[in-house]
Protein backbone atom coordinates (compact mmCIF):
# COMPACT_ATOMS: atom_id res chain seq x y z
CA MET A 1 -50.77 -143.73 108.15
CA GLY A 2 -53.85 -141.95 106.78
CA SER A 3 -53.14 -138.61 105.12
CA ASN A 4 -49.40 -139.31 104.94
CA SER A 5 -50.09 -142.41 102.86
CA ALA A 6 -52.28 -140.42 100.49
CA LEU A 7 -49.65 -137.70 100.11
CA LEU A 8 -46.86 -140.20 99.48
CA ARG A 9 -48.93 -141.88 96.77
CA ARG A 10 -49.67 -138.51 95.18
CA LEU A 11 -45.96 -137.68 95.18
CA PHE A 12 -45.21 -140.87 93.27
CA GLU A 13 -48.07 -140.35 90.82
CA THR A 14 -46.92 -136.78 90.18
CA ALA A 15 -43.34 -137.93 89.62
CA VAL A 16 -44.44 -140.52 87.06
CA ALA A 17 -46.79 -138.13 85.27
CA ALA A 18 -43.95 -135.66 84.73
CA VAL A 19 -41.95 -138.19 82.70
CA LEU A 20 -44.73 -139.73 80.60
CA PRO A 21 -44.06 -139.34 76.86
CA ASP A 22 -47.07 -137.08 76.32
CA ASN A 23 -45.74 -134.68 78.96
CA CYS A 24 -42.01 -134.71 78.21
CA MET A 25 -41.86 -134.83 74.40
CA SER A 26 -43.78 -131.68 73.45
CA ASP A 27 -40.70 -129.68 72.42
CA LEU A 28 -39.31 -132.54 70.36
CA VAL A 29 -42.48 -133.44 68.47
CA GLY A 30 -42.96 -129.79 67.57
CA ASN A 31 -39.61 -129.81 65.76
CA LEU A 32 -39.66 -133.06 63.80
CA PRO A 33 -37.82 -132.94 60.47
CA ASP A 34 -39.73 -132.73 57.20
CA GLY A 35 -40.20 -135.81 55.06
CA LYS A 36 -40.44 -139.47 55.89
CA ILE A 37 -39.09 -140.79 59.19
CA VAL A 38 -38.18 -144.37 60.04
CA VAL A 39 -38.82 -145.00 63.74
CA ILE A 40 -37.00 -147.78 65.59
CA GLY A 41 -36.21 -148.41 69.23
CA ALA A 42 -36.95 -150.30 72.41
CA GLY A 43 -37.81 -149.85 76.05
CA LYS A 44 -40.66 -149.56 78.51
CA ALA A 45 -41.58 -146.12 77.16
CA ALA A 46 -40.97 -146.88 73.47
CA ALA A 47 -44.62 -147.46 72.51
CA GLY A 48 -45.78 -144.33 74.32
CA MET A 49 -43.00 -142.34 72.65
CA ALA A 50 -43.94 -143.76 69.25
CA ALA A 51 -47.61 -142.95 69.82
CA GLU A 52 -46.69 -139.38 70.72
CA ILE A 53 -44.67 -139.06 67.51
CA GLU A 54 -47.66 -140.37 65.53
CA LYS A 55 -49.94 -137.69 66.99
CA HIS A 56 -47.88 -135.07 65.19
CA LYS A 57 -46.58 -136.81 62.06
CA SER A 58 -48.53 -139.99 61.40
CA ALA A 59 -48.71 -140.01 57.59
CA GLU A 60 -44.96 -140.22 56.93
CA LEU A 61 -43.88 -142.73 59.56
CA SER A 62 -42.84 -146.37 59.48
CA GLY A 63 -40.72 -148.66 61.62
CA LEU A 64 -40.81 -150.87 64.70
CA VAL A 65 -40.30 -150.57 68.45
CA ILE A 66 -39.98 -153.32 71.07
CA VAL A 67 -41.62 -153.12 74.51
CA PRO A 68 -42.03 -155.52 77.45
CA TYR A 69 -45.16 -157.65 77.59
CA GLY A 70 -48.03 -155.48 78.82
CA HIS A 71 -46.40 -152.18 77.81
CA ALA A 72 -47.81 -151.81 74.28
CA ALA A 73 -49.70 -148.75 73.09
CA ALA A 74 -51.82 -148.33 69.97
CA CYS A 75 -49.85 -147.11 66.94
CA LYS A 76 -51.09 -146.95 63.35
CA HIS A 77 -47.88 -146.69 61.34
CA ILE A 78 -45.17 -147.96 63.69
CA ASP A 79 -45.20 -151.65 64.58
CA VAL A 80 -45.13 -152.39 68.32
CA VAL A 81 -43.76 -155.81 69.29
CA GLU A 82 -43.80 -157.20 72.83
CA ALA A 83 -40.94 -159.27 74.24
CA ALA A 84 -39.61 -160.46 77.59
CA HIS A 85 -37.89 -158.36 80.25
CA PRO A 86 -35.51 -158.62 82.06
CA ILE A 87 -34.60 -162.08 80.75
CA PRO A 88 -34.70 -161.90 76.93
CA ASP A 89 -36.74 -164.32 74.83
CA ALA A 90 -37.19 -165.46 71.22
CA SER A 91 -39.74 -162.73 70.51
CA GLY A 92 -37.06 -160.16 71.29
CA VAL A 93 -34.61 -161.92 68.98
CA VAL A 94 -37.07 -161.92 66.06
CA ALA A 95 -38.08 -158.28 66.61
CA THR A 96 -34.45 -157.17 66.88
CA ARG A 97 -33.65 -159.00 63.65
CA ARG A 98 -36.43 -156.98 62.00
CA ILE A 99 -34.91 -153.73 63.32
CA LEU A 100 -31.51 -154.69 61.92
CA GLU A 101 -33.11 -155.57 58.58
CA ILE A 102 -34.72 -152.12 58.50
CA ALA A 103 -31.39 -150.52 59.40
CA THR A 104 -29.35 -152.28 56.75
CA GLY A 105 -31.84 -151.30 54.04
CA LEU A 106 -31.51 -147.55 54.64
CA THR A 107 -29.90 -145.02 52.31
CA ALA A 108 -28.33 -141.59 52.75
CA ALA A 109 -31.73 -140.06 51.98
CA ASP A 110 -33.38 -141.68 55.01
CA GLN A 111 -34.02 -140.07 58.41
CA VAL A 112 -34.08 -142.42 61.42
CA LEU A 113 -35.54 -141.64 64.83
CA CYS A 114 -34.41 -144.10 67.52
CA LEU A 115 -36.57 -144.13 70.67
CA LEU A 116 -34.82 -145.55 73.73
CA SER A 117 -35.80 -146.01 77.36
CA GLY A 118 -35.23 -148.31 80.30
CA GLY A 119 -35.54 -151.99 79.48
CA GLY A 120 -34.12 -151.59 75.99
CA SER A 121 -31.06 -153.66 76.83
CA SER A 122 -33.16 -156.78 77.46
CA LEU A 123 -35.58 -156.18 74.61
CA MET A 124 -33.11 -155.56 71.77
CA ILE A 125 -31.43 -158.95 71.75
CA ALA A 126 -29.02 -159.90 68.97
CA PRO A 127 -26.36 -162.32 70.23
CA VAL A 128 -23.01 -162.12 68.46
CA ASP A 129 -21.97 -165.07 66.29
CA GLY A 130 -21.42 -168.21 68.32
CA VAL A 131 -23.47 -167.05 71.31
CA THR A 132 -27.01 -168.41 71.70
CA LEU A 133 -30.12 -166.92 73.25
CA ALA A 134 -29.81 -169.51 76.02
CA ASP A 135 -26.27 -168.27 76.71
CA LYS A 136 -27.50 -164.68 76.97
CA GLN A 137 -30.37 -165.72 79.24
CA ALA A 138 -28.05 -167.61 81.60
CA ILE A 139 -25.55 -164.75 81.81
CA THR A 140 -28.33 -162.20 82.40
CA ARG A 141 -29.90 -164.26 85.20
CA ALA A 142 -26.55 -164.69 86.92
CA LEU A 143 -25.69 -161.00 86.68
CA LEU A 144 -29.08 -159.90 88.01
CA LYS A 145 -28.69 -162.20 91.03
CA SER A 146 -25.09 -161.17 91.67
CA GLY A 147 -25.67 -157.58 92.78
CA ALA A 148 -23.75 -156.15 89.81
CA SER A 149 -24.50 -152.52 88.94
CA ILE A 150 -26.39 -151.56 85.79
CA SER A 151 -23.19 -150.19 84.24
CA GLU A 152 -21.46 -153.53 84.82
CA ILE A 153 -24.40 -155.55 83.49
CA ASN A 154 -24.70 -153.40 80.39
CA CYS A 155 -20.96 -153.60 79.74
CA VAL A 156 -21.32 -157.37 79.42
CA ARG A 157 -24.47 -157.04 77.33
CA LYS A 158 -22.75 -154.72 74.83
CA HIS A 159 -19.89 -157.07 74.11
CA LEU A 160 -22.17 -160.06 73.56
CA SER A 161 -24.47 -158.12 71.23
CA ALA A 162 -24.62 -157.34 67.52
CA ILE A 163 -26.76 -154.23 68.11
CA LYS A 164 -25.65 -152.59 71.38
CA GLY A 165 -22.63 -150.36 71.96
CA GLY A 166 -23.02 -148.29 68.78
CA LYS A 167 -23.65 -151.24 66.48
CA LEU A 168 -27.19 -150.14 65.58
CA ALA A 169 -25.93 -146.74 64.43
CA ALA A 170 -23.26 -148.49 62.38
CA ALA A 171 -25.94 -150.67 60.76
CA CYS A 172 -28.02 -147.59 59.89
CA ARG A 173 -25.14 -145.92 58.06
CA PRO A 174 -25.36 -143.90 55.74
CA ALA A 175 -28.81 -142.78 56.95
CA ARG A 176 -29.16 -139.81 59.31
CA ILE A 177 -30.04 -140.97 62.81
CA SER A 178 -31.36 -139.06 65.82
CA THR A 179 -31.84 -140.69 69.21
CA VAL A 180 -34.51 -139.67 71.73
CA ILE A 181 -34.13 -140.98 75.27
CA ILE A 182 -36.10 -141.25 78.49
CA SER A 183 -33.25 -141.99 80.88
CA ASP A 184 -33.34 -144.71 83.53
CA VAL A 185 -29.61 -144.57 84.30
CA PRO A 186 -28.07 -142.64 87.20
CA GLY A 187 -26.04 -139.80 85.75
CA ASN A 188 -27.79 -140.16 82.36
CA ASP A 189 -24.81 -141.73 80.60
CA VAL A 190 -26.21 -142.30 77.10
CA SER A 191 -23.78 -145.16 76.49
CA LEU A 192 -25.54 -147.11 79.26
CA ILE A 193 -29.19 -146.35 78.46
CA ALA A 194 -30.47 -149.41 76.55
CA SER A 195 -26.74 -150.26 76.33
CA GLY A 196 -26.07 -147.39 73.94
CA PRO A 197 -27.00 -148.88 70.53
CA THR A 198 -26.52 -145.55 68.73
CA VAL A 199 -23.55 -144.03 70.56
CA HIS A 200 -19.84 -144.71 70.85
CA ASP A 201 -18.83 -147.28 73.46
CA GLU A 202 -15.75 -146.58 75.56
CA THR A 203 -15.60 -150.05 77.14
CA ALA A 204 -13.64 -153.04 75.88
CA SER A 205 -14.34 -156.75 75.89
CA ALA A 206 -11.70 -157.09 78.63
CA ASP A 207 -13.95 -154.95 80.84
CA ALA A 208 -16.83 -157.37 80.28
CA LEU A 209 -14.62 -160.33 81.15
CA HIS A 210 -13.53 -158.55 84.33
CA VAL A 211 -17.17 -158.05 85.39
CA LEU A 212 -17.99 -161.73 84.92
CA GLN A 213 -14.87 -162.76 86.82
CA ARG A 214 -15.49 -160.27 89.62
CA TYR A 215 -18.91 -161.77 90.35
CA SER A 216 -17.77 -165.37 89.76
CA ILE A 217 -20.20 -165.84 86.86
CA ASP A 218 -19.82 -169.18 85.09
CA MET A 219 -19.15 -168.50 81.40
CA PRO A 220 -20.08 -170.93 78.63
CA LYS A 221 -17.17 -171.49 76.23
CA SER A 222 -19.09 -169.56 73.58
CA VAL A 223 -19.28 -166.47 75.79
CA ARG A 224 -15.61 -166.56 76.76
CA SER A 225 -14.62 -167.02 73.11
CA ALA A 226 -16.80 -164.11 72.00
CA LEU A 227 -15.32 -161.80 74.62
CA GLU A 228 -11.77 -162.84 73.81
CA ASN A 229 -12.30 -162.25 70.08
CA THR A 230 -14.42 -159.10 69.98
CA VAL A 231 -14.52 -157.13 66.73
CA VAL A 232 -14.13 -153.38 67.30
CA VAL A 233 -17.02 -151.35 65.83
CA ASN A 234 -16.31 -148.43 63.53
CA SER A 235 -17.88 -145.59 65.53
CA ASP A 236 -17.32 -142.90 62.90
CA PHE A 237 -20.87 -141.59 63.01
CA ASN A 238 -22.59 -138.44 64.23
CA GLU A 239 -24.30 -138.66 67.61
CA ASP A 240 -27.50 -136.61 67.64
CA VAL A 241 -28.96 -137.46 71.06
CA SER A 242 -31.78 -135.79 73.03
CA ILE A 243 -32.71 -136.77 76.60
CA VAL A 244 -36.31 -135.69 77.17
CA ALA A 245 -36.88 -137.00 80.72
CA THR A 246 -34.77 -138.01 83.71
CA SER A 247 -35.13 -138.91 87.36
CA ASP A 248 -34.38 -135.27 88.20
CA ASP A 249 -37.50 -134.20 86.31
CA ALA A 250 -39.67 -136.68 88.22
CA ILE A 251 -38.29 -135.65 91.60
CA ALA A 252 -38.59 -131.94 90.80
CA ALA A 253 -42.30 -132.39 90.06
CA ALA A 254 -42.81 -134.30 93.31
CA ALA A 255 -40.86 -131.70 95.29
CA LYS A 256 -43.11 -128.97 93.90
CA LEU A 257 -46.16 -130.87 95.17
CA ALA A 258 -44.46 -131.39 98.55
CA GLU A 259 -43.88 -127.65 98.84
CA SER A 260 -47.54 -126.93 98.13
CA ALA A 261 -48.44 -129.37 100.92
CA GLY A 262 -46.22 -127.55 103.41
CA TYR A 263 -43.09 -129.72 103.29
CA ALA A 264 -39.54 -128.65 102.56
CA SER A 265 -37.50 -130.95 100.31
CA LEU A 266 -34.10 -132.53 100.73
CA ILE A 267 -33.11 -133.95 97.33
CA LEU A 268 -30.31 -136.52 97.44
CA GLY A 269 -30.28 -137.14 93.68
CA ASP A 270 -29.51 -140.38 91.85
CA LEU A 271 -28.09 -143.02 94.17
CA GLU A 272 -26.66 -146.47 93.61
CA GLY A 273 -25.47 -149.26 95.88
CA ASP A 274 -26.93 -152.06 97.96
CA ALA A 275 -30.62 -151.47 98.73
CA ARG A 276 -30.38 -152.52 102.38
CA GLU A 277 -27.29 -150.44 103.08
CA LEU A 278 -28.83 -147.38 101.44
CA ALA A 279 -32.03 -147.81 103.46
CA THR A 280 -30.07 -148.01 106.71
CA ARG A 281 -28.26 -144.76 105.90
CA HIS A 282 -31.51 -143.04 104.93
CA ALA A 283 -33.18 -144.16 108.15
CA ALA A 284 -30.33 -142.65 110.17
CA LEU A 285 -30.63 -139.40 108.22
CA ALA A 286 -34.40 -139.22 108.68
CA MET A 287 -34.19 -139.95 112.42
CA SER A 288 -31.49 -137.31 112.82
CA ILE A 289 -33.73 -134.74 111.14
CA ALA A 290 -36.74 -135.80 113.21
CA SER A 291 -34.76 -135.34 116.44
CA GLY A 292 -33.62 -131.84 115.47
CA ARG A 293 -29.98 -132.91 115.07
CA GLY A 294 -29.92 -132.71 111.28
CA THR A 295 -28.86 -129.88 109.00
CA ALA A 296 -32.48 -129.61 107.80
CA SER A 297 -35.66 -129.27 109.83
CA PRO A 298 -39.05 -130.99 109.64
CA PRO A 299 -41.65 -131.03 108.25
CA LEU A 300 -39.57 -132.29 105.36
CA ILE A 301 -39.50 -134.92 102.64
CA ILE A 302 -36.26 -136.63 101.62
CA PHE A 303 -36.26 -137.50 97.90
CA SER A 304 -33.91 -139.77 95.99
CA GLY A 305 -33.77 -141.66 92.71
CA GLY A 306 -31.24 -143.87 90.97
CA GLU A 307 -31.00 -147.63 90.98
CA THR A 308 -30.06 -149.80 93.93
CA THR A 309 -28.93 -153.40 93.73
CA VAL A 310 -29.96 -156.55 95.58
CA LYS A 311 -27.88 -159.65 96.08
CA LEU A 312 -30.31 -162.56 95.99
CA THR A 313 -29.66 -165.25 98.58
CA GLY A 314 -33.23 -166.37 99.29
CA SER A 315 -36.08 -167.73 97.20
CA GLY A 316 -38.75 -165.15 98.01
CA ARG A 317 -40.45 -162.58 95.82
CA GLY A 318 -39.70 -158.88 95.60
CA GLY A 319 -37.68 -156.12 93.99
CA ARG A 320 -35.13 -153.51 94.92
CA ASN A 321 -37.76 -151.04 96.16
CA THR A 322 -39.58 -153.41 98.50
CA GLU A 323 -36.15 -154.69 99.59
CA TYR A 324 -35.15 -151.11 100.39
CA ALA A 325 -38.45 -150.42 102.17
CA LEU A 326 -38.20 -153.53 104.35
CA ALA A 327 -34.68 -152.58 105.44
CA LEU A 328 -35.90 -149.02 106.06
CA ALA A 329 -38.77 -150.23 108.25
CA ILE A 330 -36.38 -152.40 110.29
CA ALA A 331 -33.93 -149.53 110.77
CA LEU A 332 -36.66 -147.02 111.70
CA ASP A 333 -38.07 -149.49 114.25
CA GLY A 334 -41.49 -147.87 114.35
CA HIS A 335 -40.37 -144.23 114.55
CA ALA A 336 -43.56 -142.25 115.11
CA LYS A 337 -42.66 -139.30 112.89
CA ILE A 338 -41.44 -141.04 109.74
CA SER A 339 -43.27 -142.58 106.75
CA ALA A 340 -42.00 -143.50 103.30
CA ILE A 341 -42.70 -144.74 99.80
CA ALA A 342 -40.30 -146.60 97.49
CA CYS A 343 -41.39 -147.44 93.94
CA ASP A 344 -40.09 -148.12 90.47
CA THR A 345 -41.39 -145.52 88.03
CA ASP A 346 -42.08 -148.19 85.40
CA GLY A 347 -44.74 -149.68 87.68
CA ILE A 348 -43.03 -153.05 88.13
CA ASP A 349 -40.61 -153.73 90.98
CA GLY A 350 -38.48 -156.81 90.40
CA SER A 351 -40.41 -160.08 90.34
CA GLY A 352 -43.60 -158.53 91.73
CA ASP A 353 -46.67 -157.06 90.06
CA ASN A 354 -46.34 -153.92 92.14
CA ALA A 355 -44.51 -150.63 91.65
CA GLY A 356 -43.28 -150.67 95.24
CA CYS A 357 -44.72 -150.14 98.71
CA LEU A 358 -45.35 -147.86 101.66
CA VAL A 359 -43.70 -147.79 105.09
CA SER A 360 -45.52 -146.36 108.10
CA PRO A 361 -44.72 -145.93 111.81
CA ASP A 362 -46.78 -149.03 112.59
CA THR A 363 -45.37 -151.30 109.85
CA LEU A 364 -43.46 -153.56 112.24
CA LYS A 365 -46.27 -153.49 114.82
CA ARG A 366 -48.84 -154.70 112.30
CA ALA A 367 -46.44 -157.38 111.09
CA SER A 368 -45.94 -158.60 114.66
CA GLU A 369 -49.71 -158.76 115.19
CA ARG A 370 -49.84 -161.11 112.20
CA SER A 371 -47.02 -163.26 113.64
CA MET A 372 -44.74 -162.30 110.75
CA ASP A 373 -40.99 -162.65 111.20
CA VAL A 374 -39.57 -159.54 109.53
CA HIS A 375 -35.98 -160.76 109.66
CA ALA A 376 -36.91 -164.12 108.13
CA CYS A 377 -38.69 -162.30 105.30
CA GLN A 378 -35.61 -160.18 104.71
CA ALA A 379 -33.25 -163.17 104.77
CA ASN A 380 -35.43 -164.92 102.17
CA ASN A 381 -35.65 -161.81 99.93
CA ASP A 382 -39.41 -162.03 100.42
CA SER A 383 -40.24 -158.35 100.79
CA TYR A 384 -43.18 -158.60 98.38
CA HIS A 385 -45.19 -160.98 100.55
CA PHE A 386 -44.30 -159.02 103.68
CA PHE A 387 -45.87 -155.81 102.36
CA ALA A 388 -48.68 -157.66 100.59
CA ALA A 389 -49.78 -159.13 103.94
CA LEU A 390 -49.98 -155.59 105.33
CA ASP A 391 -51.87 -154.30 102.28
CA ASP A 392 -49.09 -151.76 101.75
CA LEU A 393 -48.11 -152.59 98.16
CA VAL A 394 -48.40 -149.80 95.61
CA ILE A 395 -49.91 -151.29 92.45
CA THR A 396 -50.19 -149.19 89.31
CA GLY A 397 -49.59 -151.59 86.45
CA PRO A 398 -47.09 -150.68 83.71
CA THR A 399 -46.74 -146.89 83.52
CA ARG A 400 -45.17 -146.94 80.02
CA THR A 401 -42.27 -144.80 81.15
CA ASN A 402 -39.18 -145.40 83.27
CA VAL A 403 -36.72 -143.11 85.05
CA ASN A 404 -35.90 -145.79 87.61
CA ASP A 405 -36.44 -145.66 91.36
CA PHE A 406 -38.44 -143.05 93.26
CA ARG A 407 -38.07 -142.80 97.02
CA ALA A 408 -39.66 -140.29 99.39
CA ILE A 409 -39.23 -140.29 103.18
CA LEU A 410 -41.67 -137.99 105.00
CA VAL A 411 -40.48 -136.57 108.34
CA GLU A 412 -43.10 -134.86 110.50
CA ARG A 413 -42.36 -132.07 112.96
């Protein structure tokens, strides 16, 4: 793959750099309100966002943010607590209780800054009365395996939570609250990002029940009871929300680099749906362009973001980006003009320790030389070990930001 591999890696690195807190929050931190600020929040970027706030206003800050294990950053005045993601744990419960204690102790004189980013839904965990942490863990595992979309998963999370779906804003009342977001949700619906703890929720508990029934998720009696007896939250609060980074920002930065390297860009935007099906469609598009039958001409790079889904049927290791890449490699069948990268901008793809992986024209050939059965790997959802054996994993470690998936398919002339 050679130079194409290097360029694809640079595209991903450039995309991530564009949405790091220190690059996307400059306008906001330059306009922080006077006086003391209480900072709360959660997500993969929360510590980096808090650290950026501290650079500009450290002496009058207090509060707490929750991040996944391994995503902490040094803060002097804002506590940073690590907890589990995507399956919540007791550390998340304790930290969330502390956030709610902070919220309920506020007055009308207080200013709150809530920092939210991808992963916040799992990290801020406050089960409603009657529902246990074990119940939430079981429901989360089942939903993640089912292939449900992020909007469906977060709908269920909201109605089993005492903090999501506007409930954190309600707890902060009568304090003034502003929310700052790095978006990991296709379409940037603020009610879905971290399950919308500070904004009005349009969904109902009946919607959550429908999701669980649609995917045949077994419900403990406590969960069914909670969803059948949901208390409606008073959402009579002001919504001051700023989105400082999105997938569009990441892709725009990568497209600018592509242009400087001599490649046109075809930007497909935020996409959802089954990872394998999306990969098959993208392979057909790329091959059409390579053959001169497309509406665009090579050399060209096809960019897309969003969040695909994977229905787990095997016992292998991987994530939605390596799952996508494996299906893409199969569909391309060694096409000589096409290479690709698929990564999660948070640096962790599913159950792996990698951000994603690379696909080259000789991916299947090298796998065959190692006596690897590509279709068996796919059937077992074992895309991680497939690309690991080829030394094609992209490993960055936690990036401390998250605007979801980044995919780039390079088509040579």
